[in-house]
Protein backbone atom coordinates (compact mmCIF):
# COMPACT_ATOMS: atom_id res chain seq x y z
CA MET A 1 25.59 124.92 28.46
CA SER A 2 28.43 126.66 26.60
CA GLU A 3 28.08 126.87 22.80
CA ILE A 4 31.91 126.73 22.40
CA MET A 5 34.39 125.30 24.90
CA LEU A 6 38.13 125.03 24.21
CA GLU A 7 40.90 124.55 26.70
CA ALA A 8 44.70 124.24 26.85
CA GLN A 9 46.45 122.72 29.91
CA GLY A 10 49.15 124.76 31.57
CA PRO A 11 51.41 124.24 34.63
CA ASP A 12 50.35 123.15 38.15
CA GLY A 13 46.78 122.21 37.28
CA LEU A 14 46.00 125.45 35.48
CA PHE A 15 43.81 125.50 32.38
CA ALA A 16 43.33 128.32 29.86
CA ILE A 17 39.73 128.12 28.70
CA PHE A 18 37.64 129.93 26.07
CA SER A 19 33.89 129.51 26.21
CA GLU A 20 30.95 131.13 24.53
CA ASP A 21 27.72 131.34 26.46
CA GLU A 22 24.53 132.91 25.14
CA GLY A 23 26.63 134.59 22.40
CA ALA A 24 29.22 136.18 24.71
CA GLY A 25 32.86 135.03 24.64
CA TYR A 26 34.91 134.54 27.75
CA PHE A 27 38.57 133.69 28.28
CA TYR A 28 39.73 132.59 31.73
CA VAL A 29 42.31 130.71 33.78
CA TYR A 30 40.95 127.86 35.90
CA LYS A 31 42.64 126.09 38.79
CA SER A 32 41.43 122.51 38.71
CA GLU A 33 42.28 121.42 42.29
CA LEU A 34 40.53 124.55 43.69
CA GLN A 35 37.71 124.43 41.17
CA LYS A 36 38.16 128.19 40.93
CA VAL A 37 38.47 130.76 38.14
CA LEU A 38 41.61 132.84 38.90
CA ALA A 39 41.29 135.41 36.13
CA GLN A 40 38.77 136.22 33.42
CA ILE A 41 38.36 138.39 30.33
CA ARG A 42 35.10 139.05 28.43
CA VAL A 43 36.29 138.97 24.85
CA TYR A 44 33.01 139.92 23.19
CA GLU A 45 29.41 140.72 24.06
CA GLY A 46 26.50 138.49 23.26
CA GLU A 47 24.45 141.24 21.67
CA GLN A 48 26.97 141.66 18.81
CA LYS A 49 26.09 138.32 17.12
CA LEU A 50 29.54 137.66 15.81
CA PHE A 51 28.87 133.99 14.97
CA VAL A 52 32.29 132.79 16.10
CA GLN A 53 32.89 129.12 15.21
CA GLU A 54 35.00 126.70 17.19
CA SER A 55 37.41 126.44 14.29
CA ASP A 56 37.93 130.22 14.46
CA VAL A 57 39.38 130.04 18.04
CA ARG A 58 42.79 128.99 19.24
CA VAL A 59 43.78 128.76 22.96
CA MET A 60 47.48 128.68 23.80
CA TRP A 61 50.16 129.07 26.41
CA SER A 62 53.51 130.85 26.00
CA ALA A 63 56.55 128.65 25.86
CA ASP A 64 57.48 129.52 29.50
CA TYR A 65 53.83 129.01 30.66
CA LYS A 66 53.83 132.44 32.27
CA LYS A 67 50.90 133.67 30.18
CA CYS A 68 48.08 132.29 28.05
CA GLY A 69 46.15 133.77 25.21
CA VAL A 70 43.15 133.35 22.90
CA ALA A 71 43.25 134.11 19.15
CA ILE A 72 40.08 134.53 17.13
CA TRP A 73 40.06 134.81 13.32
CA GLY A 74 43.88 134.77 13.42
CA LYS A 75 44.35 137.70 15.78
CA MET A 76 45.28 137.61 19.51
CA ARG A 77 42.27 138.95 21.37
CA GLY A 78 43.18 138.44 24.97
CA ILE A 79 46.18 137.58 27.12
CA ILE A 80 46.31 136.65 30.80
CA GLU A 81 49.70 136.93 32.53
CA ILE A 82 49.84 134.58 35.44
CA ALA A 83 52.86 135.92 37.34
CA ASN A 84 51.65 139.49 37.72
CA ASN A 85 47.92 138.81 37.55
CA ARG A 86 47.34 141.09 34.56
CA GLU A 87 44.77 140.79 31.77
CA THR A 88 44.97 142.46 28.39
CA SER A 89 42.30 142.47 25.74
CA LEU A 90 40.97 144.57 22.84
CA PRO A 91 37.23 144.92 22.03
CA LEU A 92 36.15 142.38 19.41
CA ASP A 93 33.35 143.91 17.29
CA SER A 94 33.94 142.34 13.90
CA HIS A 95 36.42 140.39 11.79
CA ASP A 96 38.34 143.62 11.25
CA SER A 97 38.82 144.47 14.91
CA PRO A 98 42.50 144.85 15.65
CA GLY A 99 44.20 142.24 17.83
CA VAL A 100 46.91 142.56 20.43
CA THR A 101 50.18 143.57 18.71
CA ASP A 102 52.40 144.53 21.70
CA VAL A 103 55.72 142.71 21.09
CA ASP A 104 56.39 142.06 24.76
CA LEU A 105 52.94 140.58 25.33
CA LEU A 106 53.20 138.33 22.25
CA GLU A 107 56.73 137.10 23.08
CA GLY A 108 56.79 133.32 23.68
CA PHE A 109 53.56 132.44 21.88
CA ASN A 110 55.40 130.18 19.39
CA ASN A 111 52.19 128.60 18.07
CA TYR A 112 50.74 132.00 17.07
CA VAL A 113 51.18 133.76 13.72
CA ASP A 114 50.88 137.56 14.20
CA ILE A 115 48.98 138.52 11.09
CA SER A 116 50.61 141.99 10.95
CA LYS A 117 54.06 140.48 11.06
CA PHE A 118 53.19 137.90 8.44
CA ILE A 119 51.76 140.45 5.98
CA ARG A 120 54.86 142.62 6.33
CA ALA A 121 57.02 139.50 5.65
CA ARG A 122 54.85 138.61 2.67
CA GLN A 123 55.18 142.13 1.34
CA ARG A 124 58.96 142.02 1.61
CA TYR A 125 59.02 138.60 -0.09
CA TRP A 126 57.12 139.86 -3.15
CA LYS A 127 59.09 143.10 -3.26
CA ALA A 128 62.33 141.08 -3.37
CA ILE A 129 60.95 138.99 -6.27
CA VAL A 130 59.90 142.11 -8.19
CA LYS A 131 63.35 143.68 -7.61
CA LYS A 132 65.08 140.55 -8.85
CA HIS A 133 63.19 140.60 -12.12
CA GLU A 134 62.88 144.40 -12.41
CA PRO A 135 66.15 145.84 -10.88
CA ASN A 136 65.05 149.43 -11.53
CA ALA A 137 61.65 149.08 -9.86
CA ARG A 138 60.99 151.27 -6.88
CA PRO A 139 58.64 149.49 -4.50
CA THR A 140 56.38 151.40 -2.11
CA PRO A 141 58.11 151.94 1.28
CA GLU A 142 56.96 149.43 3.94
CA LYS A 143 55.54 152.22 6.18
CA ASN A 144 53.32 153.32 3.31
CA THR A 145 51.99 149.80 2.54
CA PRO A 146 48.74 149.05 4.34
CA ILE A 147 48.40 145.89 6.42
CA GLU A 148 45.13 144.57 4.92
CA THR A 149 43.90 141.21 3.78
CA ASN A 150 40.69 139.26 3.43
CA PHE A 151 41.43 136.26 5.63
CA ILE A 152 44.28 134.03 6.76
CA ARG A 153 44.39 130.38 7.95
CA ASP A 154 47.55 128.77 9.32
CA ALA A 155 48.87 125.50 10.76
CA LYS A 156 51.92 125.12 12.99
CA GLY A 157 54.70 122.91 11.63
CA PRO A 158 58.08 121.87 13.00
CA ASP A 159 60.15 124.39 15.03
CA PHE A 160 59.03 127.84 14.01
CA TRP A 161 57.59 126.95 10.56
CA PHE A 162 54.01 127.63 9.62
CA ALA A 163 51.93 126.79 6.60
CA VAL A 164 49.87 129.95 5.94
CA PHE A 165 47.05 130.38 3.46
CA GLU A 166 46.05 133.91 2.60
CA ASP A 167 43.11 135.21 0.54
CA ASP A 168 43.88 138.89 0.05
CA GLY A 169 40.53 139.57 -1.68
CA THR A 170 41.88 138.98 -5.14
CA THR A 171 44.09 135.86 -5.01
CA GLY A 172 44.63 132.80 -2.76
CA TYR A 173 48.23 131.70 -1.93
CA LEU A 174 49.72 129.03 0.29
CA TYR A 175 52.94 130.16 1.94
CA LEU A 176 55.74 128.51 3.91
CA TYR A 177 56.64 130.94 6.65
CA THR A 178 59.11 131.05 9.56
CA SER A 179 58.07 133.09 12.56
CA LEU A 180 61.56 132.97 14.03
CA GLU A 181 63.04 134.89 11.13
CA ASN A 182 59.69 136.58 10.20
CA ARG A 183 60.29 135.50 6.63
CA VAL A 184 58.30 133.86 3.85
CA LEU A 185 60.29 130.98 2.27
CA ARG A 186 58.03 129.66 -0.53
CA HIS A 187 54.71 130.33 -2.13
CA LEU A 188 52.07 128.49 -4.20
CA HIS A 189 49.33 130.27 -6.13
CA ILE A 190 46.06 128.40 -5.69
CA TYR A 191 43.42 130.66 -7.36
CA ASP A 192 42.25 134.04 -8.52
CA ARG A 193 38.84 135.15 -7.22
CA SER A 194 36.07 135.63 -9.78
CA ARG A 195 32.27 135.53 -10.06
CA GLU A 196 32.51 131.72 -10.40
CA LEU A 197 34.94 131.44 -7.45
CA SER A 198 34.23 132.89 -4.04
CA VAL A 199 36.10 131.20 -1.12
CA SER A 200 35.36 131.98 2.54
CA ARG A 201 37.47 131.32 5.59
CA GLU A 202 35.28 128.43 6.66
CA ASP A 203 35.95 126.66 3.33
CA VAL A 204 39.72 126.41 3.99
CA GLU A 205 41.81 124.12 6.10
CA VAL A 206 45.63 124.21 6.26
CA LEU A 207 47.50 121.06 7.36
CA TRP A 208 50.80 119.33 7.58
CA SER A 209 51.68 115.75 6.72
CA GLU A 210 52.38 113.33 9.58
CA THR A 211 56.21 113.66 9.14
CA TYR A 212 56.05 117.44 8.58
CA ASP A 213 57.81 117.11 5.25
CA LYS A 214 54.80 118.61 3.35
CA CYS A 215 52.12 121.20 3.99
CA GLY A 216 48.91 121.64 2.05
CA VAL A 217 45.59 123.47 1.79
CA THR A 218 42.15 121.92 1.36
CA ILE A 219 39.26 123.93 0.02
CA TRP A 220 35.73 122.52 0.05
CA GLY A 221 37.16 119.25 1.44
CA LYS A 222 39.64 118.63 -1.50
CA MET A 223 43.39 119.10 -1.48
CA ARG A 224 44.15 122.09 -3.75
CA GLY A 225 47.89 122.69 -3.21
CA ILE A 226 50.92 121.11 -1.54
CA ILE A 227 54.38 122.42 -0.82
CA ASP A 228 56.99 119.60 -0.36
CA VAL A 229 59.46 121.15 2.01
CA THR A 230 62.21 118.54 1.78
CA LYS A 231 62.13 118.24 -1.97
CA GLY A 232 61.58 121.91 -2.65
CA LYS A 233 58.63 121.28 -4.99
CA GLU A 234 55.05 122.52 -5.21
CA GLY A 235 52.01 120.75 -6.66
CA ARG A 236 48.50 121.98 -7.25
CA VAL A 237 45.30 121.72 -9.34
CA TRP A 238 44.35 125.23 -10.40
CA LEU A 239 41.11 126.07 -8.67
CA GLN A 240 38.46 127.48 -11.01
CA ASN A 241 35.18 126.66 -9.31
CA ARG A 242 33.73 124.41 -6.61
CA GLU A 243 33.61 121.41 -8.97
CA THR A 244 37.28 121.58 -9.82
CA PRO A 245 38.84 118.21 -8.82
CA GLY A 246 41.47 118.13 -6.11
CA ILE A 247 44.96 116.61 -6.11
CA CYS A 248 44.64 112.87 -6.38
CA ASP A 249 48.23 111.76 -6.97
CA VAL A 250 49.03 109.15 -4.30
CA ASP A 251 52.66 110.23 -3.81
CA TRP A 252 51.69 113.86 -3.22
CA LEU A 253 48.93 112.90 -0.77
CA SER A 254 51.04 110.41 1.13
CA GLY A 255 51.27 111.35 4.80
CA PHE A 256 48.25 113.54 4.99
């Protein structure tokens, strides 16, 4: 029996499926009426003991349903192109293993945040803020700025909007991001890491309100920060340790 099983329905009775069996991760396309696997990728080996959780995995189809993909830990790990019967994958050895970044392959995956693109957008966002307050500042050129972070969680909102939480190893921020323009629109500082405060990816959940007018981040099961998109406001309770209370204001929490 598979330890993880996630699927996304595509066209004509096709299903994109990710499963983990005896520690190995597989991504494949299955035709229901034929009860047949049409294409398959082994994403990682069982001997590696990567401890992938179901919440770490996202299975998706492109907008035109011509390809499907699987993202693990926020990076695209495998893509199967239906029309030309081609599979693309990169070896997954650890959290830091690179994902698929080819622009043509990623085109059409509107529910996927390319971490490399987001980090570049976040870097440009902060450089613009610095330049606004320090006109004579000379920021490091983009090509010399490394694409590194600790972890990222995201949630798809309306159109091409995403709520993205990033822990860069020093701080934790919630961002409002548009993948269409590859641009960060707003930010909310949630915490600074310290000896008393160590947050892991599994502790974090990013979500949208039912009407998509607000996005928020919960850490250890409590709402820590909210961006109100329509009103252009942010609300938070500064996170100092695990016992810090979450946001409890009824108006802020309405819709979640």
